[in-house]
N, C-alpha and C. Protein backbone atom coordinates (compact mmCIF):
# COMPACT_ATOMS: atom_id res chain seq x y z
N MET A 1 0.85 -1.18 0.00
CA MET A 1 0.00 0.00 0.00
C MET A 1 0.90 1.24 0.00
N ARG A 2 0.73 2.09 -0.99
CA ARG A 2 1.54 3.30 -1.09
C ARG A 2 0.68 4.50 -0.70
N ILE A 3 1.22 5.31 0.18
CA ILE A 3 0.55 6.53 0.59
C ILE A 3 1.27 7.68 -0.11
N GLU A 4 0.55 8.35 -1.01
CA GLU A 4 1.12 9.44 -1.80
C GLU A 4 0.99 10.75 -1.03
N LYS A 5 1.65 11.78 -1.53
CA LYS A 5 1.55 13.12 -0.96
C LYS A 5 0.80 14.02 -1.94
N CYS A 6 -0.03 14.90 -1.42
CA CYS A 6 -0.74 15.86 -2.26
C CYS A 6 0.27 16.85 -2.82
N TRP A 7 0.17 17.13 -4.12
CA TRP A 7 1.12 18.04 -4.74
C TRP A 7 0.95 19.45 -4.19
N PHE A 8 -0.28 19.85 -3.86
CA PHE A 8 -0.53 21.23 -3.45
C PHE A 8 -0.31 21.44 -1.95
N CYS A 9 -0.97 20.66 -1.11
CA CYS A 9 -0.89 20.93 0.33
C CYS A 9 0.08 20.02 1.07
N GLY A 10 0.45 18.90 0.49
CA GLY A 10 1.43 18.01 1.11
C GLY A 10 0.84 17.00 2.07
N SER A 11 -0.47 16.92 2.19
CA SER A 11 -1.06 15.96 3.11
C SER A 11 -1.07 14.56 2.46
N PRO A 12 -1.17 13.51 3.27
CA PRO A 12 -1.15 12.16 2.71
C PRO A 12 -2.42 11.81 1.94
N ILE A 13 -2.25 11.04 0.87
CA ILE A 13 -3.38 10.56 0.08
C ILE A 13 -3.37 9.04 0.16
N TYR A 14 -4.40 8.48 0.74
CA TYR A 14 -4.49 7.04 0.89
C TYR A 14 -5.10 6.41 -0.36
N PRO A 15 -4.84 5.14 -0.57
CA PRO A 15 -5.36 4.48 -1.77
C PRO A 15 -6.87 4.62 -1.89
N GLY A 16 -7.32 4.95 -3.09
CA GLY A 16 -8.75 5.11 -3.33
C GLY A 16 -9.25 6.51 -3.05
N HIS A 17 -8.39 7.41 -2.66
CA HIS A 17 -8.79 8.77 -2.33
C HIS A 17 -8.11 9.75 -3.26
N GLY A 18 -8.64 10.95 -3.33
CA GLY A 18 -8.01 12.01 -4.09
C GLY A 18 -8.22 11.88 -5.58
N MET A 19 -7.48 12.70 -6.33
CA MET A 19 -7.59 12.67 -7.78
C MET A 19 -6.21 12.90 -8.38
N VAL A 20 -6.07 12.48 -9.63
CA VAL A 20 -4.79 12.59 -10.33
C VAL A 20 -5.01 13.44 -11.58
N PHE A 21 -4.10 14.37 -11.80
CA PHE A 21 -4.12 15.18 -13.00
C PHE A 21 -2.80 14.94 -13.72
N VAL A 22 -2.89 14.53 -15.01
CA VAL A 22 -1.69 14.27 -15.80
C VAL A 22 -1.64 15.30 -16.91
N ARG A 23 -0.57 16.07 -16.93
CA ARG A 23 -0.39 17.11 -17.92
C ARG A 23 0.08 16.50 -19.24
N ASN A 24 0.04 17.27 -20.32
CA ASN A 24 0.45 16.77 -21.64
C ASN A 24 1.89 16.30 -21.68
N ASP A 25 2.73 16.85 -20.80
CA ASP A 25 4.13 16.42 -20.78
C ASP A 25 4.33 15.23 -19.83
N CYS A 26 3.25 14.55 -19.47
CA CYS A 26 3.24 13.36 -18.62
C CYS A 26 3.66 13.65 -17.18
N THR A 27 3.55 14.88 -16.74
CA THR A 27 3.80 15.19 -15.34
C THR A 27 2.56 14.83 -14.54
N VAL A 28 2.73 14.08 -13.47
CA VAL A 28 1.60 13.60 -12.67
C VAL A 28 1.46 14.49 -11.43
N PHE A 29 0.26 15.01 -11.22
CA PHE A 29 -0.06 15.80 -10.04
C PHE A 29 -1.15 15.07 -9.27
N ARG A 30 -0.92 14.81 -8.01
CA ARG A 30 -1.92 14.13 -7.17
C ARG A 30 -2.46 15.12 -6.16
N PHE A 31 -3.79 15.11 -6.00
CA PHE A 31 -4.45 16.04 -5.08
C PHE A 31 -5.30 15.25 -4.10
N CYS A 32 -5.28 15.70 -2.84
CA CYS A 32 -6.02 14.98 -1.81
C CYS A 32 -7.51 15.28 -1.85
N ARG A 33 -7.87 16.49 -2.26
CA ARG A 33 -9.29 16.88 -2.31
C ARG A 33 -9.48 17.94 -3.38
N SER A 34 -10.75 18.25 -3.63
CA SER A 34 -11.05 19.19 -4.71
C SER A 34 -10.55 20.59 -4.40
N LYS A 35 -10.43 20.92 -3.13
CA LYS A 35 -9.92 22.24 -2.73
C LYS A 35 -8.50 22.45 -3.29
N CYS A 36 -7.66 21.43 -3.17
CA CYS A 36 -6.29 21.52 -3.68
C CYS A 36 -6.29 21.56 -5.21
N HIS A 37 -7.13 20.75 -5.82
CA HIS A 37 -7.21 20.69 -7.28
C HIS A 37 -7.65 22.04 -7.84
N LYS A 38 -8.65 22.66 -7.22
CA LYS A 38 -9.16 23.94 -7.70
C LYS A 38 -8.11 25.04 -7.53
N ASN A 39 -7.39 25.01 -6.42
CA ASN A 39 -6.33 26.01 -6.21
C ASN A 39 -5.21 25.83 -7.24
N PHE A 40 -4.92 24.58 -7.60
CA PHE A 40 -3.91 24.30 -8.62
C PHE A 40 -4.37 24.85 -9.97
N LYS A 41 -5.66 24.62 -10.30
CA LYS A 41 -6.20 25.11 -11.57
C LYS A 41 -6.24 26.63 -11.63
N MET A 42 -6.37 27.27 -10.46
CA MET A 42 -6.34 28.74 -10.41
C MET A 42 -4.91 29.27 -10.42
N LYS A 43 -3.95 28.35 -10.55
CA LYS A 43 -2.52 28.68 -10.63
C LYS A 43 -2.02 29.41 -9.40
N ARG A 44 -2.52 28.98 -8.24
CA ARG A 44 -2.04 29.57 -6.99
C ARG A 44 -0.75 28.90 -6.56
N ASN A 45 0.09 29.66 -5.93
CA ASN A 45 1.37 29.15 -5.44
C ASN A 45 1.16 28.58 -4.03
N PRO A 46 1.47 27.29 -3.81
CA PRO A 46 1.24 26.70 -2.48
C PRO A 46 2.04 27.40 -1.38
N ARG A 47 3.16 28.04 -1.73
CA ARG A 47 3.96 28.73 -0.72
C ARG A 47 3.32 30.03 -0.26
N LYS A 48 2.28 30.49 -0.98
CA LYS A 48 1.60 31.73 -0.61
C LYS A 48 0.22 31.48 -0.02
N VAL A 49 -0.23 30.23 -0.02
CA VAL A 49 -1.53 29.88 0.55
C VAL A 49 -1.28 29.40 1.97
N ARG A 50 -1.90 30.06 2.94
CA ARG A 50 -1.54 29.91 4.35
C ARG A 50 -1.75 28.52 4.94
N TRP A 51 -2.66 27.73 4.41
CA TRP A 51 -2.97 26.44 5.04
C TRP A 51 -2.13 25.29 4.51
N THR A 52 -1.23 25.52 3.58
CA THR A 52 -0.43 24.43 3.02
C THR A 52 0.85 24.21 3.82
N LYS A 53 1.40 23.02 3.69
CA LYS A 53 2.66 22.71 4.38
C LYS A 53 3.81 23.49 3.77
N ALA A 54 3.73 23.79 2.48
CA ALA A 54 4.78 24.58 1.83
C ALA A 54 4.85 25.98 2.44
N PHE A 55 3.71 26.58 2.73
CA PHE A 55 3.69 27.89 3.37
C PHE A 55 4.30 27.80 4.76
N ARG A 56 3.90 26.77 5.50
CA ARG A 56 4.38 26.63 6.88
C ARG A 56 5.90 26.45 6.92
N ARG A 57 6.43 25.70 5.94
CA ARG A 57 7.88 25.52 5.89
C ARG A 57 8.58 26.80 5.46
N ALA A 58 8.00 27.51 4.48
CA ALA A 58 8.62 28.72 3.95
C ALA A 58 8.64 29.84 4.98
N HIS A 59 7.68 29.85 5.91
CA HIS A 59 7.59 30.91 6.90
C HIS A 59 8.01 30.45 8.30
N ASN A 60 8.79 29.36 8.37
CA ASN A 60 9.36 28.84 9.62
C ASN A 60 8.31 28.50 10.67
N LYS A 61 7.17 27.98 10.23
CA LYS A 61 6.15 27.53 11.17
C LYS A 61 6.35 26.05 11.49
N ASP A 62 6.93 25.30 10.57
CA ASP A 62 7.23 23.89 10.76
C ASP A 62 8.72 23.68 10.62
N MET A 63 9.18 22.54 11.14
CA MET A 63 10.59 22.21 11.01
C MET A 63 10.90 21.86 9.56
N THR A 64 12.04 22.34 9.07
CA THR A 64 12.45 22.02 7.70
C THR A 64 13.68 21.13 7.69
N VAL A 65 14.55 21.29 8.69
CA VAL A 65 15.78 20.51 8.74
C VAL A 65 15.67 19.57 9.94
N ASP A 66 15.41 18.31 9.65
CA ASP A 66 15.31 17.31 10.71
C ASP A 66 15.52 15.95 10.08
N ALA A 67 16.21 15.07 10.80
CA ALA A 67 16.51 13.75 10.27
C ALA A 67 15.25 12.89 10.13
N THR A 68 14.24 13.14 10.94
CA THR A 68 13.02 12.33 10.87
C THR A 68 12.23 12.60 9.59
N ILE A 69 12.41 13.76 8.98
CA ILE A 69 11.70 14.08 7.75
C ILE A 69 12.21 13.20 6.61
N ASP A 70 13.48 12.84 6.66
CA ASP A 70 14.06 12.00 5.61
C ASP A 70 13.40 10.63 5.53
N PHE A 71 12.85 10.15 6.64
CA PHE A 71 12.22 8.83 6.63
C PHE A 71 10.94 8.82 5.81
N GLU A 72 10.31 9.98 5.64
CA GLU A 72 9.05 10.05 4.90
C GLU A 72 9.26 10.15 3.40
N GLN A 73 10.49 10.26 2.94
CA GLN A 73 10.72 10.40 1.52
C GLN A 73 10.29 9.15 0.76
N ARG A 74 9.85 9.36 -0.45
CA ARG A 74 9.34 8.27 -1.27
C ARG A 74 10.49 7.43 -1.82
N ARG A 75 10.33 6.13 -1.77
CA ARG A 75 11.33 5.21 -2.31
C ARG A 75 10.66 4.33 -3.36
N ASN A 76 11.25 4.27 -4.53
CA ASN A 76 10.62 3.55 -5.63
C ASN A 76 11.06 2.09 -5.74
N ARG A 77 12.12 1.72 -5.04
CA ARG A 77 12.63 0.37 -5.16
C ARG A 77 11.80 -0.59 -4.29
N PRO A 78 11.18 -1.60 -4.89
CA PRO A 78 10.39 -2.54 -4.08
C PRO A 78 11.32 -3.43 -3.25
N GLU A 79 10.85 -3.75 -2.06
CA GLU A 79 11.63 -4.60 -1.15
C GLU A 79 10.97 -5.97 -1.03
N LYS A 80 11.79 -6.98 -0.88
CA LYS A 80 11.28 -8.33 -0.67
C LYS A 80 10.74 -8.43 0.75
N TYR A 81 9.58 -9.07 0.90
CA TYR A 81 8.93 -9.15 2.21
C TYR A 81 9.71 -10.07 3.13
N ASP A 82 9.95 -9.57 4.34
CA ASP A 82 10.60 -10.35 5.38
C ASP A 82 9.92 -9.98 6.70
N ARG A 83 9.39 -10.99 7.38
CA ARG A 83 8.61 -10.73 8.58
C ARG A 83 9.41 -9.99 9.65
N MET A 84 10.64 -10.40 9.88
CA MET A 84 11.46 -9.77 10.91
C MET A 84 11.79 -8.31 10.53
N ARG A 85 12.10 -8.12 9.26
CA ARG A 85 12.41 -6.76 8.81
C ARG A 85 11.16 -5.88 8.93
N MET A 86 10.00 -6.43 8.59
CA MET A 86 8.75 -5.69 8.68
C MET A 86 8.47 -5.30 10.14
N HIS A 87 8.70 -6.25 11.04
CA HIS A 87 8.49 -5.98 12.46
C HIS A 87 9.45 -4.87 12.93
N ALA A 88 10.69 -4.95 12.54
CA ALA A 88 11.68 -3.94 12.92
C ALA A 88 11.34 -2.58 12.31
N THR A 89 10.84 -2.60 11.07
CA THR A 89 10.47 -1.35 10.40
C THR A 89 9.31 -0.67 11.11
N LEU A 90 8.30 -1.45 11.48
CA LEU A 90 7.15 -0.89 12.19
C LEU A 90 7.57 -0.31 13.54
N LYS A 91 8.46 -1.03 14.22
CA LYS A 91 8.97 -0.56 15.50
C LYS A 91 9.73 0.76 15.32
N ALA A 92 10.55 0.81 14.27
CA ALA A 92 11.33 2.02 13.98
C ALA A 92 10.40 3.18 13.60
N MET A 93 9.33 2.88 12.86
CA MET A 93 8.39 3.92 12.46
C MET A 93 7.72 4.56 13.68
N LYS A 94 7.36 3.72 14.65
CA LYS A 94 6.76 4.24 15.87
C LYS A 94 7.76 5.13 16.63
N ARG A 95 8.98 4.66 16.70
CA ARG A 95 10.03 5.42 17.40
C ARG A 95 10.30 6.76 16.69
N VAL A 96 10.36 6.72 15.36
CA VAL A 96 10.59 7.95 14.59
C VAL A 96 9.44 8.92 14.81
N ALA A 97 8.20 8.41 14.86
CA ALA A 97 7.04 9.28 15.09
C ALA A 97 7.13 9.94 16.46
N GLU A 98 7.56 9.18 17.47
CA GLU A 98 7.71 9.75 18.81
C GLU A 98 8.77 10.85 18.82
N VAL A 99 9.90 10.56 18.20
CA VAL A 99 11.00 11.54 18.16
C VAL A 99 10.55 12.79 17.42
N LYS A 100 9.88 12.60 16.29
CA LYS A 100 9.42 13.73 15.49
C LYS A 100 8.44 14.59 16.28
N GLU A 101 7.52 13.94 16.99
CA GLU A 101 6.54 14.66 17.78
C GLU A 101 7.22 15.48 18.88
N ARG A 102 8.20 14.86 19.55
CA ARG A 102 8.93 15.54 20.61
C ARG A 102 9.71 16.75 20.06
N ARG A 103 10.34 16.56 18.91
CA ARG A 103 11.11 17.66 18.30
C ARG A 103 10.20 18.79 17.83
N GLU A 104 9.04 18.44 17.28
CA GLU A 104 8.10 19.47 16.84
C GLU A 104 7.59 20.28 18.02
N LYS A 105 7.34 19.59 19.14
CA LYS A 105 6.89 20.28 20.35
C LYS A 105 7.97 21.24 20.85
N ALA A 106 9.22 20.79 20.87
CA ALA A 106 10.33 21.64 21.30
C ALA A 106 10.49 22.83 20.34
N PHE A 107 10.33 22.58 19.05
CA PHE A 107 10.43 23.64 18.04
C PHE A 107 9.35 24.69 18.27
N TRP A 108 8.14 24.24 18.53
CA TRP A 108 7.02 25.15 18.77
C TRP A 108 7.24 25.96 20.05
N GLU A 109 7.69 25.29 21.12
CA GLU A 109 7.93 26.00 22.38
C GLU A 109 9.03 27.03 22.21
N ASN A 110 10.05 26.70 21.43
CA ASN A 110 11.14 27.64 21.18
C ASN A 110 10.63 28.87 20.40
N ARG A 111 9.73 28.62 19.44
CA ARG A 111 9.16 29.71 18.66
C ARG A 111 8.29 30.62 19.52
N MET A 112 7.57 30.03 20.47
CA MET A 112 6.62 30.78 21.29
C MET A 112 7.24 31.33 22.58
N LYS A 113 8.54 31.17 22.75
CA LYS A 113 9.21 31.55 23.99
C LYS A 113 8.97 33.01 24.35
N GLY A 114 9.18 33.95 23.46
CA GLY A 114 9.03 35.37 23.75
C GLY A 114 7.65 35.91 23.47
N LYS A 115 6.73 35.04 23.07
CA LYS A 115 5.40 35.47 22.65
C LYS A 115 4.60 36.08 23.81
N ALA A 116 4.69 35.52 25.01
CA ALA A 116 3.91 36.01 26.14
C ALA A 116 4.34 37.44 26.51
N LYS A 117 5.64 37.69 26.55
CA LYS A 117 6.13 39.03 26.86
C LYS A 117 5.69 40.02 25.79
N GLN A 118 5.76 39.59 24.54
CA GLN A 118 5.38 40.45 23.43
C GLN A 118 3.89 40.80 23.50
N GLU A 119 3.05 39.82 23.79
CA GLU A 119 1.61 40.07 23.89
C GLU A 119 1.30 40.99 25.06
N LYS A 120 2.00 40.79 26.19
CA LYS A 120 1.78 41.63 27.37
C LYS A 120 2.17 43.07 27.07
N ALA A 121 3.31 43.27 26.40
CA ALA A 121 3.76 44.61 26.06
C ALA A 121 2.78 45.28 25.10
N LEU A 122 2.26 44.52 24.14
CA LEU A 122 1.29 45.05 23.20
C LEU A 122 -0.01 45.44 23.91
N ALA A 123 -0.44 44.60 24.86
CA ALA A 123 -1.66 44.90 25.61
C ALA A 123 -1.48 46.15 26.47
N LEU A 124 -0.32 46.30 27.12
CA LEU A 124 -0.06 47.49 27.93
C LEU A 124 -0.02 48.75 27.07
N LYS A 125 0.60 48.65 25.90
CA LYS A 125 0.67 49.79 24.99
C LYS A 125 -0.74 50.19 24.55
N ASP A 126 -1.56 49.20 24.20
CA ASP A 126 -2.93 49.46 23.78
C ASP A 126 -3.73 50.09 24.92
N LEU A 127 -3.51 49.60 26.14
CA LEU A 127 -4.21 50.13 27.31
C LEU A 127 -3.81 51.58 27.56
N ASN A 128 -2.52 51.87 27.47
CA ASN A 128 -2.05 53.25 27.70
C ASN A 128 -2.56 54.21 26.64
N GLU A 129 -2.66 53.74 25.39
CA GLU A 129 -3.15 54.61 24.32
C GLU A 129 -4.65 54.89 24.44
N ASN A 130 -5.39 53.91 24.95
CA ASN A 130 -6.86 54.04 24.99
C ASN A 130 -7.40 54.07 26.41
N ILE A 131 -6.64 54.62 27.34
CA ILE A 131 -7.08 54.66 28.73
C ILE A 131 -8.32 55.53 28.91
N HIS A 132 -8.49 56.50 28.01
CA HIS A 132 -9.65 57.39 28.10
C HIS A 132 -10.97 56.64 27.91
N LEU A 133 -10.92 55.49 27.26
CA LEU A 133 -12.14 54.70 27.08
C LEU A 133 -12.54 53.98 28.36
N ILE A 134 -11.57 53.74 29.22
CA ILE A 134 -11.84 53.01 30.46
C ILE A 134 -12.11 53.98 31.60
N GLU A 135 -11.20 54.95 31.79
CA GLU A 135 -11.34 55.92 32.87
C GLU A 135 -12.28 57.04 32.43
N ALA A 136 -13.09 57.46 33.36
CA ALA A 136 -13.95 58.60 33.08
C ALA A 136 -13.15 59.86 33.38
N SER A 137 -13.20 60.82 32.49
CA SER A 137 -12.47 62.07 32.69
C SER A 137 -13.18 62.89 33.78
N PRO A 138 -12.45 63.78 34.48
CA PRO A 138 -13.07 64.60 35.53
C PRO A 138 -14.24 65.45 35.00
N ALA A 139 -14.12 65.95 33.78
CA ALA A 139 -15.21 66.75 33.22
C ALA A 139 -16.47 65.90 33.05
N LEU A 140 -16.30 64.66 32.64
CA LEU A 140 -17.44 63.76 32.46
C LEU A 140 -18.10 63.45 33.80
N ILE A 141 -17.28 63.27 34.82
CA ILE A 141 -17.81 62.99 36.16
C ILE A 141 -18.62 64.19 36.65
N GLU A 142 -18.11 65.40 36.41
CA GLU A 142 -18.83 66.61 36.82
C GLU A 142 -20.16 66.73 36.09
N LYS A 143 -20.18 66.43 34.80
CA LYS A 143 -21.42 66.48 34.02
C LYS A 143 -22.46 65.52 34.60
N GLN A 144 -22.00 64.32 34.96
CA GLN A 144 -22.91 63.33 35.51
C GLN A 144 -23.48 63.79 36.85
N LYS A 145 -22.63 64.41 37.69
CA LYS A 145 -23.10 64.92 38.99
C LYS A 145 -24.13 66.03 38.79
N LEU A 146 -23.84 66.93 37.83
CA LEU A 146 -24.78 68.01 37.54
C LEU A 146 -26.11 67.47 37.02
N ALA A 147 -26.05 66.46 36.18
CA ALA A 147 -27.28 65.86 35.64
C ALA A 147 -28.11 65.25 36.77
N ILE A 148 -27.46 64.62 37.73
CA ILE A 148 -28.18 64.02 38.86
C ILE A 148 -28.81 65.11 39.72
N LEU A 149 -28.04 66.18 39.97
CA LEU A 149 -28.58 67.29 40.76
C LEU A 149 -29.78 67.94 40.07
N GLU A 150 -29.72 68.13 38.76
CA GLU A 150 -30.83 68.71 38.01
C GLU A 150 -32.07 67.84 38.10
N LYS A 151 -31.87 66.52 38.02
CA LYS A 151 -33.02 65.61 38.13
C LYS A 151 -33.66 65.72 39.50
N LYS A 152 -32.84 65.84 40.54
CA LYS A 152 -33.37 65.97 41.90
C LYS A 152 -34.13 67.29 42.05
N GLU A 153 -33.58 68.36 41.48
CA GLU A 153 -34.24 69.67 41.57
C GLU A 153 -35.59 69.67 40.85
N THR A 154 -35.63 69.07 39.66
CA THR A 154 -36.89 69.02 38.92
C THR A 154 -37.92 68.18 39.67
N ALA A 155 -37.45 67.13 40.31
CA ALA A 155 -38.37 66.29 41.09
C ALA A 155 -38.90 67.07 42.29
N LEU A 156 -38.05 67.85 42.96
CA LEU A 156 -38.48 68.66 44.09
C LEU A 156 -39.48 69.73 43.65
N GLN A 157 -39.23 70.36 42.51
CA GLN A 157 -40.13 71.39 42.00
C GLN A 157 -41.50 70.80 41.68
N LYS A 158 -41.54 69.60 41.12
CA LYS A 158 -42.82 68.94 40.81
C LYS A 158 -43.58 68.66 42.11
N GLU A 159 -42.85 68.22 43.13
CA GLU A 159 -43.49 67.92 44.41
C GLU A 159 -44.08 69.18 45.03
N GLN A 160 -43.33 70.27 44.94
CA GLN A 160 -43.81 71.54 45.50
C GLN A 160 -45.06 72.02 44.79
N LYS A 161 -45.09 71.86 43.45
CA LYS A 161 -46.28 72.27 42.69
C LYS A 161 -47.48 71.40 43.07
N MET A 162 -47.22 70.13 43.32
CA MET A 162 -48.31 69.22 43.70
C MET A 162 -48.84 69.56 45.07
N ASN A 163 -47.97 70.01 45.95
CA ASN A 163 -48.37 70.36 47.33
C ASN A 163 -49.13 71.69 47.36
N ILE A 164 -48.92 72.54 46.43
CA ILE A 164 -49.58 73.86 46.42
C ILE A 164 -50.99 73.74 46.01
């Protein structure tokens, strides 16, 4: 069973899924879903479309240099089946997946290391610039006090007229 990669987004294509486009020069393009196929037909560059793996690699969102990535490369040479080798290969694949996951987590944490300080500084800057929206100015407080006093005076005047 061969698991192909989508030409546009880079996600895996399992047997019986996706679609194949063959150009006149016999170049084969495999797509995982119609979304990728349509973007290809619109001549969009995968490195400029934010949800593709090519974009993530080009903008340092994913790891690009790692030994575990080499294991995913396609190999065209068929191998003779051997139960022990198959068992060892499956064991190695699990180990490689664990290592890759651990490295990706470390990569992400390293990328996000200064993010909290940056967000806090941005929030403080925004707060300082727009403090007038939160704090009531003294003039506004005075207006509110005067409005309350006027309401009380009008209420007292109505009562006096009613008593007369």
